[in-house]
Every structure is written in structure tokens, then in C-alpha cells.
Amino acid sequence: MKKDAVENITGSILSDLRKSSGMTQKEFAIAFNVSEGTISHYEQGITIPNPDMLIKFADYFHVSIDYLLGRSKMKTDTSEFNNIFYKNVKTYEVIDLTLSLSKDKRRYLLETLNYIK
């Protein structure tokens, strides 16, 4: 992935996360002790946050750094899933089991999960 692509993806994701939390760029900047211009540059893809800032954003929005970088469509870090499931079930086991199902059964599983939430 080209550097420009990462910056644009990360900027777009940060913008979406900020907006969905109801924050203005100014409020977002204040929360992270940076200038409003810095936030604007991140969101426009002019610059990409450094690793420390990415960690802060990930922690704040409860998303993975891979999600912020556009490397994963899963917002939640997979380590969080291990806390959700029973202690003796690992995330990869749930994924492997799900992938072993037919397309119709995976669709049914998703519909069931959406229903019970």
C-alpha cells in the first residue's frame, strides 16, 4: 500500500470516528492536546499520526491500530474478543468454526447474532 493511500485511509477513518462521536475538529484537538490544524492535516491525509498518537486514538475510540491504518475492517482489536468469549475459547477458533460453515449457515449465524443483540 502506498504511503499516500495509508494517509488518506487513516485520515478518512479518523474523520469518521470523530464525527460519529459528535466531536468538532477543535474538540478533538483539545482532547489530544494538538492543534486543530494537526487534526485537519490528519483528516485530509496531508500527514499521518505518529505511532504514539495512533495508540492514543485507538485507545480513545476502542479500535485497533490496524483499523485506523485501513488494514482491517474490524474495529475491535482481536485481543478484546478473547475477553468476550469463554476463557477456553480463542478468537481464531471462533473464526475457523465460522469459516467452516456454508454460506447460508454463516448468513443465518449473522442474522441470529443481530437478532439477539
N, C-alpha and C. Protein backbone atom coordinates (compact mmCIF):
# COMPACT_ATOMS: atom_id res chain seq x y z
N MET A 1 0.85 -1.17 0.00
CA MET A 1 0.00 0.00 0.00
C MET A 1 0.90 1.23 0.00
N LYS A 2 0.61 2.18 -0.88
CA LYS A 2 1.39 3.39 -0.96
C LYS A 2 1.18 4.24 0.28
N LYS A 3 2.22 5.04 0.61
CA LYS A 3 2.13 5.90 1.78
C LYS A 3 0.93 6.84 1.67
N ASP A 4 0.73 7.44 0.48
CA ASP A 4 -0.41 8.35 0.30
C ASP A 4 -1.73 7.66 0.57
N ALA A 5 -1.85 6.41 0.17
CA ALA A 5 -3.08 5.66 0.38
C ALA A 5 -3.34 5.47 1.87
N VAL A 6 -2.29 5.14 2.63
CA VAL A 6 -2.44 4.98 4.08
C VAL A 6 -2.88 6.28 4.72
N GLU A 7 -2.25 7.39 4.33
CA GLU A 7 -2.61 8.68 4.90
C GLU A 7 -4.07 9.02 4.61
N ASN A 8 -4.50 8.80 3.37
CA ASN A 8 -5.89 9.11 3.02
C ASN A 8 -6.87 8.20 3.74
N ILE A 9 -6.55 6.92 3.84
CA ILE A 9 -7.43 5.98 4.55
C ILE A 9 -7.49 6.33 6.03
N THR A 10 -6.34 6.53 6.63
CA THR A 10 -6.29 6.86 8.06
C THR A 10 -7.02 8.16 8.33
N GLY A 11 -6.81 9.15 7.49
CA GLY A 11 -7.49 10.44 7.66
C GLY A 11 -9.00 10.30 7.59
N SER A 12 -9.45 9.52 6.62
CA SER A 12 -10.89 9.30 6.45
C SER A 12 -11.47 8.56 7.65
N ILE A 13 -10.75 7.56 8.13
CA ILE A 13 -11.22 6.79 9.29
C ILE A 13 -11.28 7.67 10.53
N LEU A 14 -10.24 8.47 10.75
CA LEU A 14 -10.23 9.38 11.90
C LEU A 14 -11.39 10.37 11.82
N SER A 15 -11.62 10.89 10.63
CA SER A 15 -12.71 11.83 10.45
C SER A 15 -14.06 11.17 10.77
N ASP A 16 -14.25 9.97 10.28
CA ASP A 16 -15.50 9.24 10.55
C ASP A 16 -15.67 8.96 12.04
N LEU A 17 -14.60 8.53 12.70
CA LEU A 17 -14.68 8.25 14.13
C LEU A 17 -14.99 9.52 14.92
N ARG A 18 -14.32 10.60 14.56
CA ARG A 18 -14.55 11.88 15.25
C ARG A 18 -16.00 12.32 15.07
N LYS A 19 -16.47 12.29 13.84
CA LYS A 19 -17.84 12.75 13.56
C LYS A 19 -18.88 11.86 14.25
N SER A 20 -18.63 10.54 14.24
CA SER A 20 -19.60 9.64 14.88
C SER A 20 -19.64 9.81 16.39
N SER A 21 -18.56 10.37 16.94
CA SER A 21 -18.58 10.64 18.38
C SER A 21 -19.12 12.03 18.69
N GLY A 22 -19.48 12.78 17.63
CA GLY A 22 -20.09 14.10 17.81
C GLY A 22 -19.11 15.20 18.14
N MET A 23 -17.84 14.98 17.83
CA MET A 23 -16.81 15.98 18.14
C MET A 23 -16.49 16.85 16.94
N THR A 24 -16.21 18.12 17.21
CA THR A 24 -15.67 19.00 16.18
C THR A 24 -14.16 18.77 16.11
N GLN A 25 -13.53 19.29 15.06
CA GLN A 25 -12.07 19.17 14.97
C GLN A 25 -11.42 19.88 16.15
N LYS A 26 -11.99 20.99 16.57
CA LYS A 26 -11.43 21.74 17.69
C LYS A 26 -11.50 20.92 18.98
N GLU A 27 -12.65 20.31 19.25
CA GLU A 27 -12.81 19.47 20.45
C GLU A 27 -11.86 18.27 20.40
N PHE A 28 -11.74 17.69 19.22
CA PHE A 28 -10.84 16.55 19.02
C PHE A 28 -9.40 16.96 19.31
N ALA A 29 -9.01 18.13 18.79
CA ALA A 29 -7.66 18.64 19.01
C ALA A 29 -7.38 18.88 20.49
N ILE A 30 -8.34 19.46 21.17
CA ILE A 30 -8.18 19.73 22.60
C ILE A 30 -8.05 18.42 23.38
N ALA A 31 -8.84 17.42 23.03
CA ALA A 31 -8.80 16.13 23.73
C ALA A 31 -7.44 15.46 23.62
N PHE A 32 -6.73 15.74 22.53
CA PHE A 32 -5.43 15.08 22.32
C PHE A 32 -4.26 16.05 22.41
N ASN A 33 -4.55 17.27 22.87
CA ASN A 33 -3.51 18.26 23.12
C ASN A 33 -2.66 18.53 21.87
N VAL A 34 -3.34 18.68 20.73
CA VAL A 34 -2.69 19.06 19.48
C VAL A 34 -3.47 20.22 18.88
N SER A 35 -2.92 20.82 17.84
CA SER A 35 -3.62 21.94 17.22
C SER A 35 -4.74 21.44 16.31
N GLU A 36 -5.69 22.32 16.10
CA GLU A 36 -6.79 21.99 15.19
C GLU A 36 -6.23 21.74 13.78
N GLY A 37 -5.17 22.46 13.42
CA GLY A 37 -4.53 22.26 12.12
C GLY A 37 -3.94 20.87 11.98
N THR A 38 -3.40 20.35 13.07
CA THR A 38 -2.85 18.99 13.05
C THR A 38 -3.95 17.98 12.74
N ILE A 39 -5.08 18.14 13.40
CA ILE A 39 -6.22 17.24 13.15
C ILE A 39 -6.68 17.37 11.71
N SER A 40 -6.76 18.59 11.22
CA SER A 40 -7.16 18.83 9.85
C SER A 40 -6.20 18.14 8.88
N HIS A 41 -4.91 18.24 9.14
CA HIS A 41 -3.91 17.59 8.28
C HIS A 41 -4.05 16.07 8.32
N TYR A 42 -4.31 15.51 9.50
CA TYR A 42 -4.53 14.07 9.59
C TYR A 42 -5.73 13.67 8.72
N GLU A 43 -6.83 14.38 8.89
CA GLU A 43 -8.08 14.02 8.22
C GLU A 43 -8.01 14.22 6.71
N GLN A 44 -7.20 15.18 6.27
CA GLN A 44 -7.05 15.42 4.83
C GLN A 44 -6.00 14.49 4.20
N GLY A 45 -5.30 13.75 5.03
CA GLY A 45 -4.27 12.86 4.50
C GLY A 45 -2.97 13.57 4.18
N ILE A 46 -2.81 14.79 4.69
CA ILE A 46 -1.57 15.52 4.46
C ILE A 46 -0.45 14.92 5.28
N THR A 47 -0.77 14.54 6.52
CA THR A 47 0.18 13.84 7.38
C THR A 47 -0.53 12.66 8.03
N ILE A 48 0.27 11.74 8.53
CA ILE A 48 -0.27 10.58 9.24
C ILE A 48 0.20 10.67 10.69
N PRO A 49 -0.65 10.33 11.63
CA PRO A 49 -0.24 10.40 13.05
C PRO A 49 0.95 9.48 13.32
N ASN A 50 1.80 9.92 14.24
CA ASN A 50 2.93 9.06 14.63
C ASN A 50 2.41 7.88 15.44
N PRO A 51 3.25 6.86 15.64
CA PRO A 51 2.78 5.66 16.36
C PRO A 51 2.18 5.93 17.73
N ASP A 52 2.77 6.86 18.49
CA ASP A 52 2.22 7.17 19.82
C ASP A 52 0.82 7.76 19.71
N MET A 53 0.61 8.61 18.73
CA MET A 53 -0.70 9.23 18.55
C MET A 53 -1.71 8.18 18.06
N LEU A 54 -1.28 7.29 17.18
CA LEU A 54 -2.17 6.22 16.72
C LEU A 54 -2.65 5.37 17.90
N ILE A 55 -1.74 5.09 18.82
CA ILE A 55 -2.11 4.31 20.02
C ILE A 55 -3.15 5.07 20.83
N LYS A 56 -2.95 6.38 21.00
CA LYS A 56 -3.90 7.19 21.76
C LYS A 56 -5.28 7.19 21.09
N PHE A 57 -5.29 7.35 19.76
CA PHE A 57 -6.56 7.34 19.03
C PHE A 57 -7.24 5.98 19.15
N ALA A 58 -6.46 4.92 19.00
CA ALA A 58 -7.02 3.57 19.09
C ALA A 58 -7.63 3.33 20.47
N ASP A 59 -6.91 3.72 21.51
CA ASP A 59 -7.43 3.55 22.87
C ASP A 59 -8.69 4.39 23.10
N TYR A 60 -8.67 5.61 22.63
CA TYR A 60 -9.80 6.52 22.83
C TYR A 60 -11.07 6.00 22.15
N PHE A 61 -10.92 5.55 20.90
CA PHE A 61 -12.09 5.11 20.14
C PHE A 61 -12.36 3.61 20.27
N HIS A 62 -11.53 2.93 21.05
CA HIS A 62 -11.68 1.48 21.25
C HIS A 62 -11.65 0.72 19.93
N VAL A 63 -10.66 1.06 19.12
CA VAL A 63 -10.45 0.37 17.84
C VAL A 63 -9.00 -0.11 17.78
N SER A 64 -8.72 -0.97 16.83
CA SER A 64 -7.35 -1.44 16.67
C SER A 64 -6.56 -0.46 15.81
N ILE A 65 -5.26 -0.48 15.95
CA ILE A 65 -4.40 0.34 15.10
C ILE A 65 -4.52 -0.12 13.66
N ASP A 66 -4.65 -1.42 13.44
CA ASP A 66 -4.85 -1.92 12.08
C ASP A 66 -6.10 -1.31 11.46
N TYR A 67 -7.14 -1.13 12.25
CA TYR A 67 -8.35 -0.49 11.74
C TYR A 67 -8.06 0.96 11.34
N LEU A 68 -7.34 1.68 12.19
CA LEU A 68 -7.00 3.07 11.89
C LEU A 68 -6.17 3.20 10.62
N LEU A 69 -5.33 2.19 10.36
CA LEU A 69 -4.47 2.23 9.18
C LEU A 69 -5.15 1.65 7.94
N GLY A 70 -6.39 1.19 8.09
CA GLY A 70 -7.11 0.63 6.96
C GLY A 70 -6.69 -0.79 6.62
N ARG A 71 -5.98 -1.44 7.54
CA ARG A 71 -5.52 -2.81 7.31
C ARG A 71 -6.54 -3.85 7.73
N SER A 72 -7.56 -3.43 8.47
CA SER A 72 -8.59 -4.34 8.96
C SER A 72 -9.92 -3.62 8.96
N LYS A 73 -10.96 -4.34 8.65
CA LYS A 73 -12.30 -3.77 8.72
C LYS A 73 -12.90 -3.97 10.11
N MET A 74 -12.20 -4.75 10.94
CA MET A 74 -12.67 -4.99 12.31
C MET A 74 -12.21 -3.86 13.20
N LYS A 75 -13.15 -3.16 13.79
CA LYS A 75 -12.80 -2.05 14.66
C LYS A 75 -12.13 -2.53 15.94
N THR A 76 -12.62 -3.61 16.48
CA THR A 76 -12.14 -4.09 17.77
C THR A 76 -10.89 -4.91 17.60
N ASP A 77 -9.93 -4.68 18.47
CA ASP A 77 -8.72 -5.49 18.49
C ASP A 77 -9.11 -6.91 18.86
N THR A 78 -8.56 -7.89 18.16
CA THR A 78 -8.96 -9.27 18.40
C THR A 78 -8.67 -9.72 19.83
N SER A 79 -7.74 -9.11 20.51
CA SER A 79 -7.47 -9.50 21.90
C SER A 79 -8.69 -9.23 22.78
N GLU A 80 -9.50 -8.23 22.39
CA GLU A 80 -10.72 -7.96 23.14
C GLU A 80 -11.72 -9.10 23.02
N PHE A 81 -11.73 -9.77 21.86
CA PHE A 81 -12.64 -10.89 21.68
C PHE A 81 -12.33 -12.02 22.65
N ASN A 82 -11.06 -12.20 22.95
CA ASN A 82 -10.70 -13.26 23.89
C ASN A 82 -11.28 -13.00 25.27
N ASN A 83 -11.53 -11.74 25.60
CA ASN A 83 -12.17 -11.41 26.87
C ASN A 83 -13.68 -11.60 26.81
N ILE A 84 -14.24 -11.51 25.62
CA ILE A 84 -15.68 -11.65 25.45
C ILE A 84 -16.12 -13.10 25.53
N PHE A 85 -15.36 -13.98 24.85
CA PHE A 85 -15.71 -15.39 24.82
C PHE A 85 -15.26 -16.07 26.12
N TYR A 86 -15.71 -17.29 26.27
CA TYR A 86 -15.26 -18.07 27.42
C TYR A 86 -13.75 -18.15 27.40
N LYS A 87 -13.15 -18.25 28.55
CA LYS A 87 -11.70 -18.23 28.66
C LYS A 87 -11.02 -19.35 27.87
N ASN A 88 -11.70 -20.45 27.67
CA ASN A 88 -11.07 -21.57 26.97
C ASN A 88 -11.33 -21.54 25.46
N VAL A 89 -11.97 -20.47 24.95
CA VAL A 89 -12.22 -20.35 23.52
C VAL A 89 -11.44 -19.14 23.01
N LYS A 90 -10.67 -19.36 21.96
CA LYS A 90 -9.87 -18.29 21.39
C LYS A 90 -10.54 -17.74 20.14
N THR A 91 -10.22 -16.51 19.81
CA THR A 91 -10.81 -15.85 18.65
C THR A 91 -10.63 -16.67 17.38
N TYR A 92 -9.43 -17.17 17.16
CA TYR A 92 -9.17 -17.90 15.92
C TYR A 92 -10.05 -19.15 15.83
N GLU A 93 -10.40 -19.75 16.98
CA GLU A 93 -11.28 -20.92 16.96
C GLU A 93 -12.68 -20.54 16.48
N VAL A 94 -13.16 -19.39 16.94
CA VAL A 94 -14.48 -18.92 16.53
C VAL A 94 -14.46 -18.59 15.03
N ILE A 95 -13.40 -17.95 14.59
CA ILE A 95 -13.28 -17.60 13.17
C ILE A 95 -13.20 -18.87 12.32
N ASP A 96 -12.35 -19.82 12.72
CA ASP A 96 -12.22 -21.07 11.97
C ASP A 96 -13.55 -21.81 11.90
N LEU A 97 -14.25 -21.86 13.01
CA LEU A 97 -15.55 -22.54 13.04
C LEU A 97 -16.55 -21.83 12.12
N THR A 98 -16.57 -20.51 12.19
CA THR A 98 -17.48 -19.74 11.34
C THR A 98 -17.17 -19.96 9.87
N LEU A 99 -15.89 -19.94 9.52
CA LEU A 99 -15.49 -20.13 8.12
C LEU A 99 -15.77 -21.54 7.62
N SER A 100 -15.88 -22.49 8.53
CA SER A 100 -16.16 -23.87 8.11
C SER A 100 -17.64 -24.06 7.75
N LEU A 101 -18.48 -23.09 8.12
CA LEU A 101 -19.90 -23.19 7.82
C LEU A 101 -20.18 -22.83 6.37
N SER A 102 -21.27 -23.34 5.85
CA SER A 102 -21.69 -22.96 4.50
C SER A 102 -22.09 -21.48 4.51
N LYS A 103 -22.17 -20.90 3.33
CA LYS A 103 -22.54 -19.50 3.20
C LYS A 103 -23.91 -19.24 3.83
N ASP A 104 -24.86 -20.14 3.60
CA ASP A 104 -26.20 -19.98 4.17
C ASP A 104 -26.17 -20.04 5.69
N LYS A 105 -25.36 -20.94 6.24
CA LYS A 105 -25.29 -21.05 7.70
C LYS A 105 -24.58 -19.83 8.30
N ARG A 106 -23.58 -19.29 7.60
CA ARG A 106 -22.92 -18.07 8.10
C ARG A 106 -23.90 -16.90 8.09
N ARG A 107 -24.72 -16.83 7.05
CA ARG A 107 -25.73 -15.77 6.97
C ARG A 107 -26.73 -15.92 8.12
N TYR A 108 -27.16 -17.15 8.37
CA TYR A 108 -28.09 -17.42 9.47
C TYR A 108 -27.46 -17.05 10.81
N LEU A 109 -26.20 -17.39 10.98
CA LEU A 109 -25.48 -17.04 12.22
C LEU A 109 -25.46 -15.53 12.41
N LEU A 110 -25.14 -14.79 11.37
CA LEU A 110 -25.11 -13.34 11.46
C LEU A 110 -26.49 -12.77 11.77
N GLU A 111 -27.50 -13.28 11.12
CA GLU A 111 -28.87 -12.83 11.40
C GLU A 111 -29.26 -13.12 12.84
N THR A 112 -28.86 -14.27 13.33
CA THR A 112 -29.16 -14.66 14.72
C THR A 112 -28.44 -13.73 15.69
N LEU A 113 -27.19 -13.46 15.44
CA LEU A 113 -26.42 -12.55 16.31
C LEU A 113 -27.03 -11.15 16.31
N ASN A 114 -27.42 -10.67 15.14
CA ASN A 114 -28.07 -9.36 15.07
C ASN A 114 -29.40 -9.35 15.82
N TYR A 115 -30.12 -10.47 15.74
CA TYR A 115 -31.40 -10.57 16.42
C TYR A 115 -31.24 -10.52 17.96
N ILE A 116 -30.25 -11.25 18.47
CA ILE A 116 -30.11 -11.35 19.93
C ILE A 116 -29.39 -10.15 20.55
N LYS A 117 -28.78 -9.31 19.74
CA LYS A 117 -28.10 -8.14 20.33
C LYS A 117 -29.12 -7.14 20.68
